[in-house]
Amino acid sequence: MKDWVRLLGKEFMVSLLLGLTMAVEVSFIAAFRAPEVIFVVGATMVLTVMAGSMIRLVLPFIFTRLKLDPATASAPLITSLSDIIGVLIYFSVASWHFGF
């Protein structure tokens, strides 16, 4: 369990830095095309990258704990869950930011 918590912390920091880097780049492009969505795009990028990384880390452990084959937590399942959560994050942040 100690190693799992340490691994989770490292993955959290790496995904945060990756998400921030991607958010800065995408926000720079959005500044020229649609400045009103800079916050939405940037925040969504950070949250989506972090959520996807946490799913990719935790899902095989959950499957192992449930005595299921962790290989079934492979790319299609993880990608589908990450995409669904990414869309939910995007629309939640946009709805909150624009007051819908």
PDB file of N, CA and C in Angstrom:
ATOM      1  N   MET A   1       0.829  -1.195   0.000  1.00  0.00           N
ATOM      2  CA  MET A   1       0.000   0.000   0.000  1.00  0.00           C
ATOM      3  C   MET A   1       0.873   1.260   0.000  1.00  0.00           C
ATOM      4  N   LYS A   2       2.008   1.195   0.685  1.00  0.00           N
ATOM      5  CA  LYS A   2       2.893   2.352   0.737  1.00  0.00           C
ATOM      6  C   LYS A   2       3.394   2.707  -0.658  1.00  0.00           C
ATOM      7  N   ASP A   3       3.781   1.707  -1.431  1.00  0.00           N
ATOM      8  CA  ASP A   3       4.244   1.949  -2.791  1.00  0.00           C
ATOM      9  C   ASP A   3       3.131   2.496  -3.675  1.00  0.00           C
ATOM     10  N   TRP A   4       1.915   2.029  -3.464  1.00  0.00           N
ATOM     11  CA  TRP A   4       0.796   2.479  -4.269  1.00  0.00           C
ATOM     12  C   TRP A   4       0.540   3.961  -4.030  1.00  0.00           C
ATOM     13  N   VAL A   5       0.593   4.399  -2.776  1.00  0.00           N
ATOM     14  CA  VAL A   5       0.376   5.816  -2.457  1.00  0.00           C
ATOM     15  C   VAL A   5       1.497   6.660  -3.067  1.00  0.00           C
ATOM     16  N   ARG A   6       2.724   6.192  -3.006  1.00  0.00           N
ATOM     17  CA  ARG A   6       3.861   6.909  -3.586  1.00  0.00           C
ATOM     18  C   ARG A   6       3.697   6.994  -5.107  1.00  0.00           C
ATOM     19  N   LEU A   7       3.290   5.905  -5.719  1.00  0.00           N
ATOM     20  CA  LEU A   7       3.070   5.880  -7.159  1.00  0.00           C
ATOM     21  C   LEU A   7       1.937   6.819  -7.560  1.00  0.00           C
ATOM     22  N   LEU A   8       0.899   6.850  -6.777  1.00  0.00           N
ATOM     23  CA  LEU A   8      -0.224   7.745  -7.035  1.00  0.00           C
ATOM     24  C   LEU A   8       0.222   9.203  -6.954  1.00  0.00           C
ATOM     25  N   GLY A   9       1.045   9.528  -5.973  1.00  0.00           N
ATOM     26  CA  GLY A   9       1.558  10.888  -5.830  1.00  0.00           C
ATOM     27  C   GLY A   9       2.422  11.303  -7.008  1.00  0.00           C
ATOM     28  N   LYS A  10       3.293  10.410  -7.448  1.00  0.00           N
ATOM     29  CA  LYS A  10       4.138  10.716  -8.604  1.00  0.00           C
ATOM     30  C   LYS A  10       3.302  10.898  -9.862  1.00  0.00           C
ATOM     31  N   GLU A  11       2.366  10.008 -10.074  1.00  0.00           N
ATOM     32  CA  GLU A  11       1.506  10.097 -11.257  1.00  0.00           C
ATOM     33  C   GLU A  11       0.679  11.377 -11.227  1.00  0.00           C
ATOM     34  N   PHE A  12       0.238  11.782 -10.050  1.00  0.00           N
ATOM     35  CA  PHE A  12      -0.527  13.018  -9.896  1.00  0.00           C
ATOM     36  C   PHE A  12       0.311  14.216 -10.336  1.00  0.00           C
ATOM     37  N   MET A  13       1.561  14.282  -9.882  1.00  0.00           N
ATOM     38  CA  MET A  13       2.430  15.409 -10.220  1.00  0.00           C
ATOM     39  C   MET A  13       2.775  15.425 -11.712  1.00  0.00           C
ATOM     40  N   VAL A  14       3.075  14.271 -12.264  1.00  0.00           N
ATOM     41  CA  VAL A  14       3.407  14.203 -13.688  1.00  0.00           C
ATOM     42  C   VAL A  14       2.204  14.610 -14.533  1.00  0.00           C
ATOM     43  N   SER A  15       1.027  14.115 -14.187  1.00  0.00           N
ATOM     44  CA  SER A  15      -0.161  14.460 -14.966  1.00  0.00           C
ATOM     45  C   SER A  15      -0.523  15.932 -14.793  1.00  0.00           C
ATOM     46  N   LEU A  16      -0.296  16.495 -13.622  1.00  0.00           N
ATOM     47  CA  LEU A  16      -0.550  17.925 -13.397  1.00  0.00           C
ATOM     48  C   LEU A  16       0.370  18.764 -14.274  1.00  0.00           C
ATOM     49  N   LEU A  17       1.653  18.431 -14.279  1.00  0.00           N
ATOM     50  CA  LEU A  17       2.596  19.194 -15.101  1.00  0.00           C
ATOM     51  C   LEU A  17       2.307  19.029 -16.591  1.00  0.00           C
ATOM     52  N   LEU A  18       1.982  17.821 -17.017  1.00  0.00           N
ATOM     53  CA  LEU A  18       1.634  17.590 -18.420  1.00  0.00           C
ATOM     54  C   LEU A  18       0.373  18.369 -18.791  1.00  0.00           C
ATOM     55  N   GLY A  19      -0.629  18.317 -17.932  1.00  0.00           N
ATOM     56  CA  GLY A  19      -1.872  19.044 -18.190  1.00  0.00           C
ATOM     57  C   GLY A  19      -1.658  20.548 -18.247  1.00  0.00           C
ATOM     58  N   LEU A  20      -0.825  21.076 -17.350  1.00  0.00           N
ATOM     59  CA  LEU A  20      -0.537  22.515 -17.368  1.00  0.00           C
ATOM     60  C   LEU A  20       0.210  22.914 -18.640  1.00  0.00           C
ATOM     61  N   THR A  21       1.158  22.095 -19.045  1.00  0.00           N
ATOM     62  CA  THR A  21       1.898  22.375 -20.271  1.00  0.00           C
ATOM     63  C   THR A  21       0.964  22.392 -21.478  1.00  0.00           C
ATOM     64  N   MET A  22       0.110  21.397 -21.563  1.00  0.00           N
ATOM     65  CA  MET A  22      -0.838  21.335 -22.677  1.00  0.00           C
ATOM     66  C   MET A  22      -1.832  22.489 -22.622  1.00  0.00           C
ATOM     67  N   ALA A  23      -2.263  22.857 -21.412  1.00  0.00           N
ATOM     68  CA  ALA A  23      -3.227  23.951 -21.252  1.00  0.00           C
ATOM     69  C   ALA A  23      -2.627  25.278 -21.705  1.00  0.00           C
ATOM     70  N   VAL A  24      -1.362  25.507 -21.395  1.00  0.00           N
ATOM     71  CA  VAL A  24      -0.709  26.747 -21.824  1.00  0.00           C
ATOM     72  C   VAL A  24      -0.648  26.806 -23.348  1.00  0.00           C
ATOM     73  N   GLU A  25      -0.279  25.704 -23.968  1.00  0.00           N
ATOM     74  CA  GLU A  25      -0.181  25.683 -25.431  1.00  0.00           C
ATOM     75  C   GLU A  25      -1.545  25.887 -26.088  1.00  0.00           C
ATOM     76  N   VAL A  26      -2.546  25.194 -25.602  1.00  0.00           N
ATOM     77  CA  VAL A  26      -3.883  25.312 -26.189  1.00  0.00           C
ATOM     78  C   VAL A  26      -4.476  26.690 -25.896  1.00  0.00           C
ATOM     79  N   SER A  27      -4.212  27.238 -24.722  1.00  0.00           N
ATOM     80  CA  SER A  27      -4.711  28.571 -24.387  1.00  0.00           C
ATOM     81  C   SER A  27      -4.068  29.633 -25.263  1.00  0.00           C
ATOM     82  N   PHE A  28      -2.811  29.422 -25.616  1.00  0.00           N
ATOM     83  CA  PHE A  28      -2.128  30.356 -26.511  1.00  0.00           C
ATOM     84  C   PHE A  28      -2.822  30.387 -27.870  1.00  0.00           C
ATOM     85  N   ILE A  29      -3.192  29.240 -28.379  1.00  0.00           N
ATOM     86  CA  ILE A  29      -3.912  29.168 -29.658  1.00  0.00           C
ATOM     87  C   ILE A  29      -5.307  29.769 -29.512  1.00  0.00           C
ATOM     88  N   ALA A  30      -5.976  29.472 -28.396  1.00  0.00           N
ATOM     89  CA  ALA A  30      -7.328  29.998 -28.170  1.00  0.00           C
ATOM     90  C   ALA A  30      -7.319  31.517 -28.037  1.00  0.00           C
ATOM     91  N   ALA A  31      -6.219  32.092 -27.585  1.00  0.00           N
ATOM     92  CA  ALA A  31      -6.141  33.546 -27.427  1.00  0.00           C
ATOM     93  C   ALA A  31      -6.327  34.254 -28.764  1.00  0.00           C
ATOM     94  N   PHE A  32      -5.897  33.620 -29.840  1.00  0.00           N
ATOM     95  CA  PHE A  32      -6.037  34.223 -31.158  1.00  0.00           C
ATOM     96  C   PHE A  32      -7.375  33.911 -31.812  1.00  0.00           C
ATOM     97  N   ARG A  33      -7.932  32.769 -31.497  1.00  0.00           N
ATOM     98  CA  ARG A  33      -9.139  32.339 -32.203  1.00  0.00           C
ATOM     99  C   ARG A  33     -10.417  32.634 -31.419  1.00  0.00           C
ATOM    100  N   ALA A  34     -10.408  32.388 -30.118  1.00  0.00           N
ATOM    101  CA  ALA A  34     -11.619  32.584 -29.295  1.00  0.00           C
ATOM    102  C   ALA A  34     -11.211  32.863 -27.855  1.00  0.00           C
ATOM    103  N   PRO A  35     -10.826  34.101 -27.555  1.00  0.00           N
ATOM    104  CA  PRO A  35     -10.305  34.407 -26.217  1.00  0.00           C
ATOM    105  C   PRO A  35     -11.293  34.155 -25.073  1.00  0.00           C
ATOM    106  N   GLU A  36     -12.581  34.131 -25.367  1.00  0.00           N
ATOM    107  CA  GLU A  36     -13.568  33.924 -24.301  1.00  0.00           C
ATOM    108  C   GLU A  36     -13.565  32.506 -23.743  1.00  0.00           C
ATOM    109  N   VAL A  37     -12.929  31.575 -24.443  1.00  0.00           N
ATOM    110  CA  VAL A  37     -12.924  30.192 -23.973  1.00  0.00           C
ATOM    111  C   VAL A  37     -11.570  29.744 -23.417  1.00  0.00           C
ATOM    112  N   ILE A  38     -10.660  30.675 -23.220  1.00  0.00           N
ATOM    113  CA  ILE A  38      -9.315  30.310 -22.741  1.00  0.00           C
ATOM    114  C   ILE A  38      -9.393  29.557 -21.419  1.00  0.00           C
ATOM    115  N   PHE A  39     -10.159  30.076 -20.467  1.00  0.00           N
ATOM    116  CA  PHE A  39     -10.247  29.420 -19.155  1.00  0.00           C
ATOM    117  C   PHE A  39     -10.856  28.031 -19.285  1.00  0.00           C
ATOM    118  N   VAL A  40     -11.927  27.923 -20.030  1.00  0.00           N
ATOM    119  CA  VAL A  40     -12.616  26.632 -20.179  1.00  0.00           C
ATOM    120  C   VAL A  40     -11.689  25.595 -20.802  1.00  0.00           C
ATOM    121  N   VAL A  41     -11.018  25.972 -21.872  1.00  0.00           N
ATOM    122  CA  VAL A  41     -10.130  25.036 -22.558  1.00  0.00           C
ATOM    123  C   VAL A  41      -8.948  24.659 -21.672  1.00  0.00           C
ATOM    124  N   GLY A  42      -8.345  25.643 -21.018  1.00  0.00           N
ATOM    125  CA  GLY A  42      -7.194  25.366 -20.151  1.00  0.00           C
ATOM    126  C   GLY A  42      -7.544  24.491 -18.965  1.00  0.00           C
ATOM    127  N   ALA A  43      -8.615  24.841 -18.271  1.00  0.00           N
ATOM    128  CA  ALA A  43      -9.024  24.057 -17.093  1.00  0.00           C
ATOM    129  C   ALA A  43      -9.430  22.646 -17.491  1.00  0.00           C
ATOM    130  N   THR A  44     -10.137  22.533 -18.597  1.00  0.00           N
ATOM    131  CA  THR A  44     -10.554  21.221 -19.071  1.00  0.00           C
ATOM    132  C   THR A  44      -9.350  20.362 -19.424  1.00  0.00           C
ATOM    133  N   MET A  45      -8.351  20.960 -20.045  1.00  0.00           N
ATOM    134  CA  MET A  45      -7.151  20.212 -20.430  1.00  0.00           C
ATOM    135  C   MET A  45      -6.454  19.641 -19.195  1.00  0.00           C
ATOM    136  N   VAL A  46      -6.279  20.464 -18.183  1.00  0.00           N
ATOM    137  CA  VAL A  46      -5.607  20.002 -16.963  1.00  0.00           C
ATOM    138  C   VAL A  46      -6.417  18.900 -16.289  1.00  0.00           C
ATOM    139  N   LEU A  47      -7.687  19.124 -16.100  1.00  0.00           N
ATOM    140  CA  LEU A  47      -8.529  18.150 -15.396  1.00  0.00           C
ATOM    141  C   LEU A  47      -8.676  16.844 -16.171  1.00  0.00           C
ATOM    142  N   THR A  48      -8.788  16.928 -17.485  1.00  0.00           N
ATOM    143  CA  THR A  48      -8.944  15.726 -18.298  1.00  0.00           C
ATOM    144  C   THR A  48      -7.682  14.882 -18.299  1.00  0.00           C
ATOM    145  N   VAL A  49      -6.524  15.523 -18.429  1.00  0.00           N
ATOM    146  CA  VAL A  49      -5.265  14.773 -18.406  1.00  0.00           C
ATOM    147  C   VAL A  49      -5.072  14.113 -17.043  1.00  0.00           C
ATOM    148  N   MET A  50      -5.375  14.828 -15.971  1.00  0.00           N
ATOM    149  CA  MET A  50      -5.226  14.258 -14.632  1.00  0.00           C
ATOM    150  C   MET A  50      -6.202  13.107 -14.405  1.00  0.00           C
ATOM    151  N   ALA A  51      -7.448  13.279 -14.822  1.00  0.00           N
ATOM    152  CA  ALA A  51      -8.437  12.212 -14.640  1.00  0.00           C
ATOM    153  C   ALA A  51      -8.056  10.973 -15.447  1.00  0.00           C
ATOM    154  N   GLY A  52      -7.619  11.169 -16.680  1.00  0.00           N
ATOM    155  CA  GLY A  52      -7.203  10.037 -17.503  1.00  0.00           C
ATOM    156  C   GLY A  52      -6.018   9.296 -16.907  1.00  0.00           C
ATOM    157  N   SER A  53      -5.058  10.031 -16.389  1.00  0.00           N
ATOM    158  CA  SER A  53      -3.891   9.395 -15.766  1.00  0.00           C
ATOM    159  C   SER A  53      -4.275   8.600 -14.528  1.00  0.00           C
ATOM    160  N   MET A  54      -5.157   9.149 -13.730  1.00  0.00           N
ATOM    161  CA  MET A  54      -5.581   8.442 -12.518  1.00  0.00           C
ATOM    162  C   MET A  54      -6.366   7.180 -12.874  1.00  0.00           C
ATOM    163  N   ILE A  55      -7.197   7.257 -13.919  1.00  0.00           N
ATOM    164  CA  ILE A  55      -7.943   6.066 -14.360  1.00  0.00           C
ATOM    165  C   ILE A  55      -6.976   4.988 -14.825  1.00  0.00           C
ATOM    166  N   ARG A  56      -5.990   5.398 -15.633  1.00  0.00           N
ATOM    167  CA  ARG A  56      -5.012   4.432 -16.151  1.00  0.00           C
ATOM    168  C   ARG A  56      -4.183   3.796 -15.044  1.00  0.00           C
ATOM    169  N   LEU A  57      -3.981   4.516 -13.964  1.00  0.00           N
ATOM    170  CA  LEU A  57      -3.207   3.980 -12.851  1.00  0.00           C
ATOM    171  C   LEU A  57      -4.047   3.073 -11.959  1.00  0.00           C
ATOM    172  N   VAL A  58      -5.252   3.493 -11.638  1.00  0.00           N
ATOM    173  CA  VAL A  58      -6.056   2.820 -10.613  1.00  0.00           C
ATOM    174  C   VAL A  58      -6.827   1.608 -11.131  1.00  0.00           C
ATOM    175  N   LEU A  59      -7.282   1.658 -12.360  1.00  0.00           N
ATOM    176  CA  LEU A  59      -8.153   0.600 -12.875  1.00  0.00           C
ATOM    177  C   LEU A  59      -7.546  -0.799 -12.804  1.00  0.00           C
ATOM    178  N   PRO A  60      -6.305  -1.024 -13.219  1.00  0.00           N
ATOM    179  CA  PRO A  60      -5.740  -2.375 -13.081  1.00  0.00           C
ATOM    180  C   PRO A  60      -5.653  -2.849 -11.623  1.00  0.00           C
ATOM    181  N   PHE A  61      -5.380  -1.933 -10.700  1.00  0.00           N
ATOM    182  CA  PHE A  61      -5.355  -2.301  -9.284  1.00  0.00           C
ATOM    183  C   PHE A  61      -6.736  -2.717  -8.797  1.00  0.00           C
ATOM    184  N   ILE A  62      -7.756  -2.002  -9.241  1.00  0.00           N
ATOM    185  CA  ILE A  62      -9.133  -2.345  -8.859  1.00  0.00           C
ATOM    186  C   ILE A  62      -9.506  -3.722  -9.400  1.00  0.00           C
ATOM    187  N   PHE A  63      -9.150  -3.988 -10.659  1.00  0.00           N
ATOM    188  CA  PHE A  63      -9.457  -5.285 -11.243  1.00  0.00           C
ATOM    189  C   PHE A  63      -8.721  -6.406 -10.506  1.00  0.00           C
ATOM    190  N   THR A  64      -7.487  -6.181 -10.134  1.00  0.00           N
ATOM    191  CA  THR A  64      -6.728  -7.183  -9.381  1.00  0.00           C
ATOM    192  C   THR A  64      -7.377  -7.423  -8.029  1.00  0.00           C
ATOM    193  N   ARG A  65      -7.793  -6.365  -7.375  1.00  0.00           N
ATOM    194  CA  ARG A  65      -8.435  -6.470  -6.059  1.00  0.00           C
ATOM    195  C   ARG A  65      -9.748  -7.253  -6.136  1.00  0.00           C
ATOM    196  N   LEU A  66     -10.460  -7.118  -7.248  1.00  0.00           N
ATOM    197  CA  LEU A  66     -11.719  -7.837  -7.443  1.00  0.00           C
ATOM    198  C   LEU A  66     -11.517  -9.244  -8.008  1.00  0.00           C
ATOM    199  N   LYS A  67     -10.234  -9.658  -8.084  1.00  0.00           N
ATOM    200  CA  LYS A  67      -9.869 -10.971  -8.601  1.00  0.00           C
ATOM    201  C   LYS A  67     -10.294 -11.156 -10.063  1.00  0.00           C
ATOM    202  N   LEU A  68     -10.193 -10.070 -10.812  1.00  0.00           N
ATOM    203  CA  LEU A  68     -10.436 -10.105 -12.243  1.00  0.00           C
ATOM    204  C   LEU A  68      -9.102  -9.926 -12.955  1.00  0.00           C
ATOM    205  N   ASP A  69      -9.043 -10.326 -14.184  1.00  0.00           N
ATOM    206  CA  ASP A  69      -7.817 -10.199 -14.954  1.00  0.00           C
ATOM    207  C   ASP A  69      -7.544  -8.720 -15.241  1.00  0.00           C
ATOM    208  N   PRO A  70      -6.413  -8.173 -14.753  1.00  0.00           N
ATOM    209  CA  PRO A  70      -6.131  -6.756 -14.999  1.00  0.00           C
ATOM    210  C   PRO A  70      -5.922  -6.432 -16.473  1.00  0.00           C
ATOM    211  N   ALA A  71      -5.670  -7.448 -17.288  1.00  0.00           N
ATOM    212  CA  ALA A  71      -5.517  -7.208 -18.726  1.00  0.00           C
ATOM    213  C   ALA A  71      -6.828  -6.750 -19.358  1.00  0.00           C
ATOM    214  N   THR A  72      -7.964  -7.070 -18.728  1.00  0.00           N
ATOM    215  CA  THR A  72      -9.239  -6.602 -19.265  1.00  0.00           C
ATOM    216  C   THR A  72      -9.410  -5.108 -19.057  1.00  0.00           C
ATOM    217  N   ALA A  73      -8.584  -4.534 -18.190  1.00  0.00           N
ATOM    218  CA  ALA A  73      -8.578  -3.082 -18.017  1.00  0.00           C
ATOM    219  C   ALA A  73      -7.591  -2.498 -19.022  1.00  0.00           C
ATOM    220  N   SER A  74      -7.673  -2.977 -20.240  1.00  0.00           N
ATOM    221  CA  SER A  74      -6.713  -2.611 -21.272  1.00  0.00           C
ATOM    222  C   SER A  74      -7.131  -1.318 -21.963  1.00  0.00           C
ATOM    223  N   ALA A  75      -6.451  -1.016 -23.011  1.00  0.00           N
ATOM    224  CA  ALA A  75      -6.615   0.254 -23.711  1.00  0.00           C
ATOM    225  C   ALA A  75      -8.063   0.604 -24.079  1.00  0.00           C
ATOM    226  N   PRO A  76      -8.871  -0.292 -24.663  1.00  0.00           N
ATOM    227  CA  PRO A  76     -10.228   0.124 -25.037  1.00  0.00           C
ATOM    228  C   PRO A  76     -11.078   0.570 -23.841  1.00  0.00           C
ATOM    229  N   LEU A  77     -11.021  -0.152 -22.746  1.00  0.00           N
ATOM    230  CA  LEU A  77     -11.810   0.222 -21.573  1.00  0.00           C
ATOM    231  C   LEU A  77     -11.311   1.533 -20.974  1.00  0.00           C
ATOM    232  N   ILE A  78     -10.015   1.646 -20.812  1.00  0.00           N
ATOM    233  CA  ILE A  78      -9.445   2.860 -20.218  1.00  0.00           C
ATOM    234  C   ILE A  78      -9.697   4.065 -21.117  1.00  0.00           C
ATOM    235  N   THR A  79      -9.532   3.888 -22.411  1.00  0.00           N
ATOM    236  CA  THR A  79      -9.761   4.986 -23.353  1.00  0.00           C
ATOM    237  C   THR A  79     -11.218   5.415 -23.345  1.00  0.00           C
ATOM    238  N   SER A  80     -12.120   4.453 -23.324  1.00  0.00           N
ATOM    239  CA  SER A  80     -13.547   4.794 -23.299  1.00  0.00           C
ATOM    240  C   SER A  80     -13.911   5.554 -22.034  1.00  0.00           C
ATOM    241  N   LEU A  81     -13.452   5.072 -20.895  1.00  0.00           N
ATOM    242  CA  LEU A  81     -13.734   5.773 -19.633  1.00  0.00           C
ATOM    243  C   LEU A  81     -13.120   7.163 -19.615  1.00  0.00           C
ATOM    244  N   SER A  82     -11.891   7.284 -20.098  1.00  0.00           N
ATOM    245  CA  SER A  82     -11.225   8.592 -20.132  1.00  0.00           C
ATOM    246  C   SER A  82     -11.966   9.565 -21.047  1.00  0.00           C
ATOM    247  N   ASP A  83     -12.426   9.081 -22.187  1.00  0.00           N
ATOM    248  CA  ASP A  83     -13.165   9.941 -23.117  1.00  0.00           C
ATOM    249  C   ASP A  83     -14.492  10.402 -22.520  1.00  0.00           C
ATOM    250  N   ILE A  84     -15.200   9.479 -21.900  1.00  0.00           N
ATOM    251  CA  ILE A  84     -16.492   9.836 -21.286  1.00  0.00           C
ATOM    252  C   ILE A  84     -16.278  10.862 -20.177  1.00  0.00           C
ATOM    253  N   ILE A  85     -15.312  10.621 -19.332  1.00  0.00           N
ATOM    254  CA  ILE A  85     -15.048  11.555 -18.238  1.00  0.00           C
ATOM    255  C   ILE A  85     -14.547  12.890 -18.772  1.00  0.00           C
ATOM    256  N   GLY A  86     -13.742  12.859 -19.847  1.00  0.00           N
ATOM    257  CA  GLY A  86     -13.265  14.102 -20.453  1.00  0.00           C
ATOM    258  C   GLY A  86     -14.394  14.970 -20.983  1.00  0.00           C
ATOM    259  N   VAL A  87     -15.357  14.347 -21.635  1.00  0.00           N
ATOM    260  CA  VAL A  87     -16.509  15.094 -22.153  1.00  0.00           C
ATOM    261  C   VAL A  87     -17.330  15.658 -20.995  1.00  0.00           C
ATOM    262  N   LEU A  88     -17.539  14.862 -19.959  1.00  0.00           N
ATOM    263  CA  LEU A  88     -18.278  15.353 -18.787  1.00  0.00           C
ATOM    264  C   LEU A  88     -17.558  16.529 -18.119  1.00  0.00           C
ATOM    265  N   ILE A  89     -16.244  16.439 -18.019  1.00  0.00           N
ATOM    266  CA  ILE A  89     -15.466  17.537 -17.436  1.00  0.00           C
ATOM    267  C   ILE A  89     -15.606  18.792 -18.294  1.00  0.00           C
ATOM    268  N   TYR A  90     -15.457  18.624 -19.598  1.00  0.00           N
ATOM    269  CA  TYR A  90     -15.536  19.773 -20.502  1.00  0.00           C
ATOM    270  C   TYR A  90     -16.874  20.493 -20.373  1.00  0.00           C
ATOM    271  N   PHE A  91     -17.971  19.754 -20.456  1.00  0.00           N
ATOM    272  CA  PHE A  91     -19.275  20.395 -20.381  1.00  0.00           C
ATOM    273  C   PHE A  91     -19.573  20.938 -18.981  1.00  0.00           C
ATOM    274  N   SER A  92     -19.056  20.288 -17.949  1.00  0.00           N
ATOM    275  CA  SER A  92     -19.251  20.799 -16.589  1.00  0.00           C
ATOM    276  C   SER A  92     -18.519  22.122 -16.383  1.00  0.00           C
ATOM    277  N   VAL A  93     -17.277  22.184 -16.837  1.00  0.00           N
ATOM    278  CA  VAL A  93     -16.499  23.428 -16.698  1.00  0.00           C
ATOM    279  C   VAL A  93     -17.127  24.539 -17.543  1.00  0.00           C
ATOM    280  N   ALA A  94     -17.527  24.221 -18.762  1.00  0.00           N
ATOM    281  CA  ALA A  94     -18.156  25.240 -19.631  1.00  0.00           C
ATOM    282  C   ALA A  94     -19.475  25.719 -19.038  1.00  0.00           C
ATOM    283  N   SER A  95     -20.285  24.812 -18.527  1.00  0.00           N
ATOM    284  CA  SER A  95     -21.565  25.207 -17.924  1.00  0.00           C
ATOM    285  C   SER A  95     -21.345  26.075 -16.691  1.00  0.00           C
ATOM    286  N   TRP A  96     -20.389  25.710 -15.879  1.00  0.00           N
ATOM    287  CA  TRP A  96     -20.089  26.489 -14.682  1.00  0.00           C
ATOM    288  C   TRP A  96     -19.546  27.867 -15.061  1.00  0.00           C
ATOM    289  N   HIS A  97     -18.621  27.910 -16.002  1.00  0.00           N
ATOM    290  CA  HIS A  97     -17.982  29.175 -16.375  1.00  0.00           C
ATOM    291  C   HIS A  97     -18.959  30.145 -17.053  1.00  0.00           C
ATOM    292  N   PHE A  98     -19.787  29.633 -17.940  1.00  0.00           N
ATOM    293  CA  PHE A  98     -20.707  30.485 -18.669  1.00  0.00           C
ATOM    294  C   PHE A  98     -22.073  30.620 -17.986  1.00  0.00           C
ATOM    295  N   GLY A  99     -22.255  29.953 -16.855  1.00  0.00           N
ATOM    296  CA  GLY A  99     -23.467  30.120 -16.067  1.00  0.00           C
ATOM    297  C   GLY A  99     -24.710  29.464 -16.620  1.00  0.00           C
ATOM    298  N   PHE A 100     -24.560  28.330 -17.291  1.00  0.00           N
ATOM    299  CA  PHE A 100     -25.737  27.627 -17.819  1.00  0.00           C
ATOM    300  C   PHE A 100     -26.293  26.699 -16.781  1.00  0.00           C
TER     301      PHE A 100
END
